[in-house]
Amino acid sequence: CPHSSFPLSRGTLFDIEDFGVVLSAGLTCPKHDWSFDLFTGTGDRGNYRLKIWEVQLRGVDGSDKEIWVRKKQRMG
């Protein structure tokens, strides 16, 4: 969490909805209760914005999967 570097790996995932329609996915910091959109990195408080990483699982027909990670390009 950018507030005080608490590990967001301990956070809680949730759906971001509007009138019952899922628009995105979010993550809540368990220590500070701050929330972030996982696709844009935008926080619900202040001007905090997380860095976004693209993750892909790659493998061939039942073989062991490889995890590929790269920094996602920001638009705008």
PDB file of N, CA and C in Angstrom:
ATOM      1  N   CYS A   1       0.853  -1.179   0.000  1.00  0.00           N
ATOM      2  CA  CYS A   1       0.000   0.000   0.000  1.00  0.00           C
ATOM      3  C   CYS A   1       0.903   1.248   0.000  1.00  0.00           C
ATOM      4  N   PRO A   2       0.654   2.193  -0.885  1.00  0.00           N
ATOM      5  CA  PRO A   2       1.509   3.376  -0.926  1.00  0.00           C
ATOM      6  C   PRO A   2       1.427   4.235   0.334  1.00  0.00           C
ATOM      7  N   HIS A   3       0.427   4.001   1.176  1.00  0.00           N
ATOM      8  CA  HIS A   3       0.274   4.786   2.402  1.00  0.00           C
ATOM      9  C   HIS A   3       1.450   4.566   3.340  1.00  0.00           C
ATOM     10  N   SER A   4       1.810   3.290   3.578  1.00  0.00           N
ATOM     11  CA  SER A   4       2.977   3.026   4.428  1.00  0.00           C
ATOM     12  C   SER A   4       3.640   1.705   4.061  1.00  0.00           C
ATOM     13  N   SER A   5       3.620   1.373   2.786  1.00  0.00           N
ATOM     14  CA  SER A   5       4.297   0.192   2.241  1.00  0.00           C
ATOM     15  C   SER A   5       3.826  -1.126   2.840  1.00  0.00           C
ATOM     16  N   PHE A   6       2.575  -1.218   3.233  1.00  0.00           N
ATOM     17  CA  PHE A   6       2.025  -2.486   3.717  1.00  0.00           C
ATOM     18  C   PHE A   6       1.836  -3.403   2.510  1.00  0.00           C
ATOM     19  N   PRO A   7       2.181  -4.707   2.611  1.00  0.00           N
ATOM     20  CA  PRO A   7       2.096  -5.601   1.456  1.00  0.00           C
ATOM     21  C   PRO A   7       0.652  -5.856   1.003  1.00  0.00           C
ATOM     22  N   LEU A   8       0.363  -5.482  -0.223  1.00  0.00           N
ATOM     23  CA  LEU A   8      -0.984  -5.697  -0.762  1.00  0.00           C
ATOM     24  C   LEU A   8      -1.241  -7.154  -1.106  1.00  0.00           C
ATOM     25  N   SER A   9      -0.214  -7.991  -1.012  1.00  0.00           N
ATOM     26  CA  SER A   9      -0.420  -9.428  -1.216  1.00  0.00           C
ATOM     27  C   SER A   9      -1.338  -9.996  -0.129  1.00  0.00           C
ATOM     28  N   ARG A  10      -1.494  -9.282   0.955  1.00  0.00           N
ATOM     29  CA  ARG A  10      -2.405  -9.694   2.035  1.00  0.00           C
ATOM     30  C   ARG A  10      -3.790  -9.060   1.878  1.00  0.00           C
ATOM     31  N   GLY A  11      -3.987  -8.345   0.779  1.00  0.00           N
ATOM     32  CA  GLY A  11      -5.245  -7.631   0.554  1.00  0.00           C
ATOM     33  C   GLY A  11      -6.403  -8.535   0.184  1.00  0.00           C
ATOM     34  N   THR A  12      -7.587  -7.938   0.125  1.00  0.00           N
ATOM     35  CA  THR A  12      -8.816  -8.640  -0.206  1.00  0.00           C
ATOM     36  C   THR A  12      -9.302  -8.187  -1.575  1.00  0.00           C
ATOM     37  N   LEU A  13      -9.586  -9.163  -2.449  1.00  0.00           N
ATOM     38  CA  LEU A  13     -10.112  -8.860  -3.775  1.00  0.00           C
ATOM     39  C   LEU A  13     -11.613  -8.633  -3.715  1.00  0.00           C
ATOM     40  N   PHE A  14     -12.127  -7.775  -4.588  1.00  0.00           N
ATOM     41  CA  PHE A  14     -13.566  -7.537  -4.665  1.00  0.00           C
ATOM     42  C   PHE A  14     -13.925  -7.071  -6.072  1.00  0.00           C
ATOM     43  N   ASP A  15     -15.216  -7.217  -6.424  1.00  0.00           N
ATOM     44  CA  ASP A  15     -15.717  -6.716  -7.701  1.00  0.00           C
ATOM     45  C   ASP A  15     -16.122  -5.263  -7.558  1.00  0.00           C
ATOM     46  N   ILE A  16     -15.805  -4.450  -8.551  1.00  0.00           N
ATOM     47  CA  ILE A  16     -16.278  -3.067  -8.599  1.00  0.00           C
ATOM     48  C   ILE A  16     -17.531  -3.079  -9.462  1.00  0.00           C
ATOM     49  N   GLU A  17     -18.666  -2.770  -8.847  1.00  0.00           N
ATOM     50  CA  GLU A  17     -19.957  -2.889  -9.522  1.00  0.00           C
ATOM     51  C   GLU A  17     -20.693  -1.558  -9.573  1.00  0.00           C
ATOM     52  N   ASP A  18     -21.589  -1.472 -10.541  1.00  0.00           N
ATOM     53  CA  ASP A  18     -22.507  -0.342 -10.644  1.00  0.00           C
ATOM     54  C   ASP A  18     -23.856  -0.910 -11.037  1.00  0.00           C
ATOM     55  N   PHE A  19     -24.842  -0.800 -10.168  1.00  0.00           N
ATOM     56  CA  PHE A  19     -26.180  -1.342 -10.388  1.00  0.00           C
ATOM     57  C   PHE A  19     -26.136  -2.823 -10.750  1.00  0.00           C
ATOM     58  N   GLY A  20     -25.274  -3.588 -10.056  1.00  0.00           N
ATOM     59  CA  GLY A  20     -25.196  -5.024 -10.250  1.00  0.00           C
ATOM     60  C   GLY A  20     -24.358  -5.477 -11.429  1.00  0.00           C
ATOM     61  N   VAL A  21     -23.790  -4.551 -12.183  1.00  0.00           N
ATOM     62  CA  VAL A  21     -22.940  -4.894 -13.321  1.00  0.00           C
ATOM     63  C   VAL A  21     -21.475  -4.765 -12.891  1.00  0.00           C
ATOM     64  N   VAL A  22     -20.715  -5.842 -13.071  1.00  0.00           N
ATOM     65  CA  VAL A  22     -19.304  -5.817 -12.689  1.00  0.00           C
ATOM     66  C   VAL A  22     -18.526  -5.002 -13.721  1.00  0.00           C
ATOM     67  N   LEU A  23     -17.862  -3.947 -13.263  1.00  0.00           N
ATOM     68  CA  LEU A  23     -17.104  -3.058 -14.143  1.00  0.00           C
ATOM     69  C   LEU A  23     -15.609  -3.332 -14.106  1.00  0.00           C
ATOM     70  N   SER A  24     -15.126  -3.787 -12.965  1.00  0.00           N
ATOM     71  CA  SER A  24     -13.691  -3.984 -12.796  1.00  0.00           C
ATOM     72  C   SER A  24     -13.469  -4.845 -11.560  1.00  0.00           C
ATOM     73  N   ALA A  25     -12.201  -4.994 -11.175  1.00  0.00           N
ATOM     74  CA  ALA A  25     -11.838  -5.725  -9.961  1.00  0.00           C
ATOM     75  C   ALA A  25     -10.997  -4.812  -9.091  1.00  0.00           C
ATOM     76  N   GLY A  26     -11.133  -4.982  -7.793  1.00  0.00           N
ATOM     77  CA  GLY A  26     -10.400  -4.135  -6.868  1.00  0.00           C
ATOM     78  C   GLY A  26      -9.682  -4.938  -5.810  1.00  0.00           C
ATOM     79  N   LEU A  27      -8.833  -4.228  -5.071  1.00  0.00           N
ATOM     80  CA  LEU A  27      -8.056  -4.806  -3.989  1.00  0.00           C
ATOM     81  C   LEU A  27      -8.083  -3.835  -2.823  1.00  0.00           C
ATOM     82  N   THR A  28      -8.374  -4.351  -1.629  1.00  0.00           N
ATOM     83  CA  THR A  28      -8.432  -3.515  -0.423  1.00  0.00           C
ATOM     84  C   THR A  28      -7.259  -3.848   0.487  1.00  0.00           C
ATOM     85  N   CYS A  29      -6.570  -2.821   0.966  1.00  0.00           N
ATOM     86  CA  CYS A  29      -5.479  -2.986   1.923  1.00  0.00           C
ATOM     87  C   CYS A  29      -6.078  -3.365   3.278  1.00  0.00           C
ATOM     88  N   PRO A  30      -5.634  -4.485   3.878  1.00  0.00           N
ATOM     89  CA  PRO A  30      -6.214  -4.902   5.154  1.00  0.00           C
ATOM     90  C   PRO A  30      -5.812  -4.025   6.332  1.00  0.00           C
ATOM     91  N   LYS A  31      -4.735  -3.272   6.203  1.00  0.00           N
ATOM     92  CA  LYS A  31      -4.282  -2.437   7.315  1.00  0.00           C
ATOM     93  C   LYS A  31      -4.967  -1.071   7.319  1.00  0.00           C
ATOM     94  N   HIS A  32      -5.140  -0.473   6.134  1.00  0.00           N
ATOM     95  CA  HIS A  32      -5.645   0.896   6.059  1.00  0.00           C
ATOM     96  C   HIS A  32      -7.039   1.009   5.472  1.00  0.00           C
ATOM     97  N   ASP A  33      -7.550  -0.092   4.876  1.00  0.00           N
ATOM     98  CA  ASP A  33      -8.864  -0.134   4.236  1.00  0.00           C
ATOM     99  C   ASP A  33      -8.925   0.764   2.994  1.00  0.00           C
ATOM    100  N   TRP A  34      -7.776   1.057   2.391  1.00  0.00           N
ATOM    101  CA  TRP A  34      -7.756   1.788   1.128  1.00  0.00           C
ATOM    102  C   TRP A  34      -7.999   0.781   0.017  1.00  0.00           C
ATOM    103  N   SER A  35      -8.657   1.203  -1.065  1.00  0.00           N
ATOM    104  CA  SER A  35      -8.974   0.316  -2.176  1.00  0.00           C
ATOM    105  C   SER A  35      -8.362   0.830  -3.467  1.00  0.00           C
ATOM    106  N   PHE A  36      -8.035  -0.120  -4.359  1.00  0.00           N
ATOM    107  CA  PHE A  36      -7.414   0.206  -5.630  1.00  0.00           C
ATOM    108  C   PHE A  36      -8.040  -0.617  -6.744  1.00  0.00           C
ATOM    109  N   ASP A  37      -8.222   0.001  -7.910  1.00  0.00           N
ATOM    110  CA  ASP A  37      -8.693  -0.698  -9.097  1.00  0.00           C
ATOM    111  C   ASP A  37      -7.506  -1.470  -9.666  1.00  0.00           C
ATOM    112  N   LEU A  38      -7.664  -2.778  -9.897  1.00  0.00           N
ATOM    113  CA  LEU A  38      -6.550  -3.595 -10.363  1.00  0.00           C
ATOM    114  C   LEU A  38      -6.200  -3.380 -11.827  1.00  0.00           C
ATOM    115  N   PHE A  39      -7.100  -2.782 -12.597  1.00  0.00           N
ATOM    116  CA  PHE A  39      -6.830  -2.573 -14.017  1.00  0.00           C
ATOM    117  C   PHE A  39      -6.254  -1.193 -14.311  1.00  0.00           C
ATOM    118  N   THR A  40      -6.583  -0.209 -13.477  1.00  0.00           N
ATOM    119  CA  THR A  40      -6.067   1.144 -13.706  1.00  0.00           C
ATOM    120  C   THR A  40      -5.059   1.568 -12.646  1.00  0.00           C
ATOM    121  N   GLY A  41      -5.100   0.931 -11.480  1.00  0.00           N
ATOM    122  CA  GLY A  41      -4.215   1.296 -10.378  1.00  0.00           C
ATOM    123  C   GLY A  41      -4.735   2.453  -9.543  1.00  0.00           C
ATOM    124  N   THR A  42      -5.850   3.032  -9.943  1.00  0.00           N
ATOM    125  CA  THR A  42      -6.406   4.202  -9.270  1.00  0.00           C
ATOM    126  C   THR A  42      -6.898   3.849  -7.861  1.00  0.00           C
ATOM    127  N   GLY A  43      -6.531   4.683  -6.885  1.00  0.00           N
ATOM    128  CA  GLY A  43      -6.958   4.487  -5.512  1.00  0.00           C
ATOM    129  C   GLY A  43      -8.225   5.250  -5.198  1.00  0.00           C
ATOM    130  N   ASP A  44      -8.867   4.881  -4.093  1.00  0.00           N
ATOM    131  CA  ASP A  44     -10.103   5.559  -3.700  1.00  0.00           C
ATOM    132  C   ASP A  44      -9.853   6.773  -2.807  1.00  0.00           C
ATOM    133  N   ARG A  45      -8.594   7.013  -2.453  1.00  0.00           N
ATOM    134  CA  ARG A  45      -8.267   8.166  -1.602  1.00  0.00           C
ATOM    135  C   ARG A  45      -7.031   8.870  -2.127  1.00  0.00           C
ATOM    136  N   GLY A  46      -7.062  10.166  -2.073  1.00  0.00           N
ATOM    137  CA  GLY A  46      -5.897  10.945  -2.492  1.00  0.00           C
ATOM    138  C   GLY A  46      -5.584  10.741  -3.961  1.00  0.00           C
ATOM    139  N   ASN A  47      -4.370  11.016  -4.327  1.00  0.00           N
ATOM    140  CA  ASN A  47      -3.928  10.850  -5.712  1.00  0.00           C
ATOM    141  C   ASN A  47      -3.032   9.627  -5.860  1.00  0.00           C
ATOM    142  N   TYR A  48      -3.188   8.640  -4.989  1.00  0.00           N
ATOM    143  CA  TYR A  48      -2.369   7.447  -5.055  1.00  0.00           C
ATOM    144  C   TYR A  48      -2.772   6.596  -6.250  1.00  0.00           C
ATOM    145  N   ARG A  49      -1.749   6.052  -6.924  1.00  0.00           N
ATOM    146  CA  ARG A  49      -1.991   5.187  -8.070  1.00  0.00           C
ATOM    147  C   ARG A  49      -0.935   4.088  -8.068  1.00  0.00           C
ATOM    148  N   LEU A  50      -1.377   2.848  -8.131  1.00  0.00           N
ATOM    149  CA  LEU A  50      -0.458   1.725  -8.133  1.00  0.00           C
ATOM    150  C   LEU A  50       0.151   1.513  -9.511  1.00  0.00           C
ATOM    151  N   LYS A  51       1.357   0.937  -9.550  1.00  0.00           N
ATOM    152  CA  LYS A  51       1.939   0.499 -10.806  1.00  0.00           C
ATOM    153  C   LYS A  51       1.217  -0.782 -11.217  1.00  0.00           C
ATOM    154  N   ILE A  52       0.934  -0.906 -12.493  1.00  0.00           N
ATOM    155  CA  ILE A  52       0.180  -2.045 -12.998  1.00  0.00           C
ATOM    156  C   ILE A  52       1.119  -2.966 -13.777  1.00  0.00           C
ATOM    157  N   TRP A  53       0.960  -4.266 -13.557  1.00  0.00           N
ATOM    158  CA  TRP A  53       1.784  -5.270 -14.227  1.00  0.00           C
ATOM    159  C   TRP A  53       0.874  -6.223 -14.983  1.00  0.00           C
ATOM    160  N   GLU A  54       1.274  -6.559 -16.196  1.00  0.00           N
ATOM    161  CA  GLU A  54       0.544  -7.539 -16.996  1.00  0.00           C
ATOM    162  C   GLU A  54       1.110  -8.922 -16.684  1.00  0.00           C
ATOM    163  N   VAL A  55       0.231  -9.880 -16.429  1.00  0.00           N
ATOM    164  CA  VAL A  55       0.644 -11.234 -16.087  1.00  0.00           C
ATOM    165  C   VAL A  55       0.025 -12.201 -17.082  1.00  0.00           C
ATOM    166  N   GLN A  56       0.837 -13.102 -17.621  1.00  0.00           N
ATOM    167  CA  GLN A  56       0.353 -14.119 -18.556  1.00  0.00           C
ATOM    168  C   GLN A  56       0.843 -15.491 -18.109  1.00  0.00           C
ATOM    169  N   LEU A  57      -0.037 -16.495 -18.217  1.00  0.00           N
ATOM    170  CA  LEU A  57       0.359 -17.882 -18.011  1.00  0.00           C
ATOM    171  C   LEU A  57       0.601 -18.474 -19.388  1.00  0.00           C
ATOM    172  N   ARG A  58       1.784 -19.008 -19.616  1.00  0.00           N
ATOM    173  CA  ARG A  58       2.117 -19.583 -20.921  1.00  0.00           C
ATOM    174  C   ARG A  58       2.530 -21.032 -20.733  1.00  0.00           C
ATOM    175  N   GLY A  59       2.077 -21.871 -21.627  1.00  0.00           N
ATOM    176  CA  GLY A  59       2.430 -23.279 -21.598  1.00  0.00           C
ATOM    177  C   GLY A  59       1.894 -23.961 -22.837  1.00  0.00           C
ATOM    178  N   VAL A  60       2.377 -25.154 -23.093  1.00  0.00           N
ATOM    179  CA  VAL A  60       1.967 -25.870 -24.290  1.00  0.00           C
ATOM    180  C   VAL A  60       1.277 -27.166 -23.888  1.00  0.00           C
ATOM    181  N   ASP A  61       0.023 -27.298 -24.236  1.00  0.00           N
ATOM    182  CA  ASP A  61      -0.753 -28.544 -24.090  1.00  0.00           C
ATOM    183  C   ASP A  61      -0.432 -29.379 -22.851  1.00  0.00           C
ATOM    184  N   GLY A  62      -0.814 -28.892 -21.705  1.00  0.00           N
ATOM    185  CA  GLY A  62      -0.676 -29.660 -20.476  1.00  0.00           C
ATOM    186  C   GLY A  62       0.704 -29.631 -19.842  1.00  0.00           C
ATOM    187  N   SER A  63       1.652 -28.970 -20.475  1.00  0.00           N
ATOM    188  CA  SER A  63       2.979 -28.888 -19.868  1.00  0.00           C
ATOM    189  C   SER A  63       2.942 -27.888 -18.711  1.00  0.00           C
ATOM    190  N   ASP A  64       4.035 -27.839 -17.984  1.00  0.00           N
ATOM    191  CA  ASP A  64       4.121 -26.871 -16.887  1.00  0.00           C
ATOM    192  C   ASP A  64       3.931 -25.464 -17.429  1.00  0.00           C
ATOM    193  N   LYS A  65       3.197 -24.665 -16.709  1.00  0.00           N
ATOM    194  CA  LYS A  65       2.940 -23.283 -17.121  1.00  0.00           C
ATOM    195  C   LYS A  65       4.086 -22.388 -16.668  1.00  0.00           C
ATOM    196  N   GLU A  66       4.370 -21.395 -17.488  1.00  0.00           N
ATOM    197  CA  GLU A  66       5.331 -20.362 -17.125  1.00  0.00           C
ATOM    198  C   GLU A  66       4.565 -19.084 -16.852  1.00  0.00           C
ATOM    199  N   ILE A  67       5.036 -18.298 -15.912  1.00  0.00           N
ATOM    200  CA  ILE A  67       4.414 -17.009 -15.605  1.00  0.00           C
ATOM    201  C   ILE A  67       5.292 -15.913 -16.173  1.00  0.00           C
ATOM    202  N   TRP A  68       4.716 -15.092 -17.033  1.00  0.00           N
ATOM    203  CA  TRP A  68       5.411 -13.958 -17.641  1.00  0.00           C
ATOM    204  C   TRP A  68       4.823 -12.686 -17.069  1.00  0.00           C
ATOM    205  N   VAL A  69       5.691 -11.765 -16.633  1.00  0.00           N
ATOM    206  CA  VAL A  69       5.244 -10.514 -16.033  1.00  0.00           C
ATOM    207  C   VAL A  69       5.973  -9.367 -16.712  1.00  0.00           C
ATOM    208  N   ARG A  70       5.237  -8.310 -17.051  1.00  0.00           N
ATOM    209  CA  ARG A  70       5.856  -7.108 -17.584  1.00  0.00           C
ATOM    210  C   ARG A  70       5.035  -5.894 -17.147  1.00  0.00           C
ATOM    211  N   LYS A  71       5.718  -4.773 -17.045  1.00  0.00           N
ATOM    212  CA  LYS A  71       5.050  -3.544 -16.647  1.00  0.00           C
ATOM    213  C   LYS A  71       4.065  -3.136 -17.736  1.00  0.00           C
ATOM    214  N   LYS A  72       2.848  -2.849 -17.330  1.00  0.00           N
ATOM    215  CA  LYS A  72       1.815  -2.453 -18.281  1.00  0.00           C
ATOM    216  C   LYS A  72       1.992  -0.988 -18.651  1.00  0.00           C
ATOM    217  N   GLN A  73       1.847  -0.673 -19.928  1.00  0.00           N
ATOM    218  CA  GLN A  73       1.969   0.699 -20.397  1.00  0.00           C
ATOM    219  C   GLN A  73       0.751   1.497 -19.981  1.00  0.00           C
ATOM    220  N   ARG A  74       0.980   2.694 -19.497  1.00  0.00           N
ATOM    221  CA  ARG A  74      -0.128   3.594 -19.115  1.00  0.00           C
ATOM    222  C   ARG A  74      -0.592   4.374 -20.318  1.00  0.00           C
ATOM    223  N   MET A  75      -1.888   4.528 -20.392  1.00  0.00           N
ATOM    224  CA  MET A  75      -2.468   5.340 -21.456  1.00  0.00           C
ATOM    225  C   MET A  75      -2.726   6.727 -20.888  1.00  0.00           C
ATOM    226  N   GLY A  76      -2.247   7.743 -21.571  1.00  0.00           N
ATOM    227  CA  GLY A  76      -2.514   9.120 -21.152  1.00  0.00           C
ATOM    228  C   GLY A  76      -1.562   9.716 -20.216  1.00  0.00           C
TER     229      GLY A  76
END
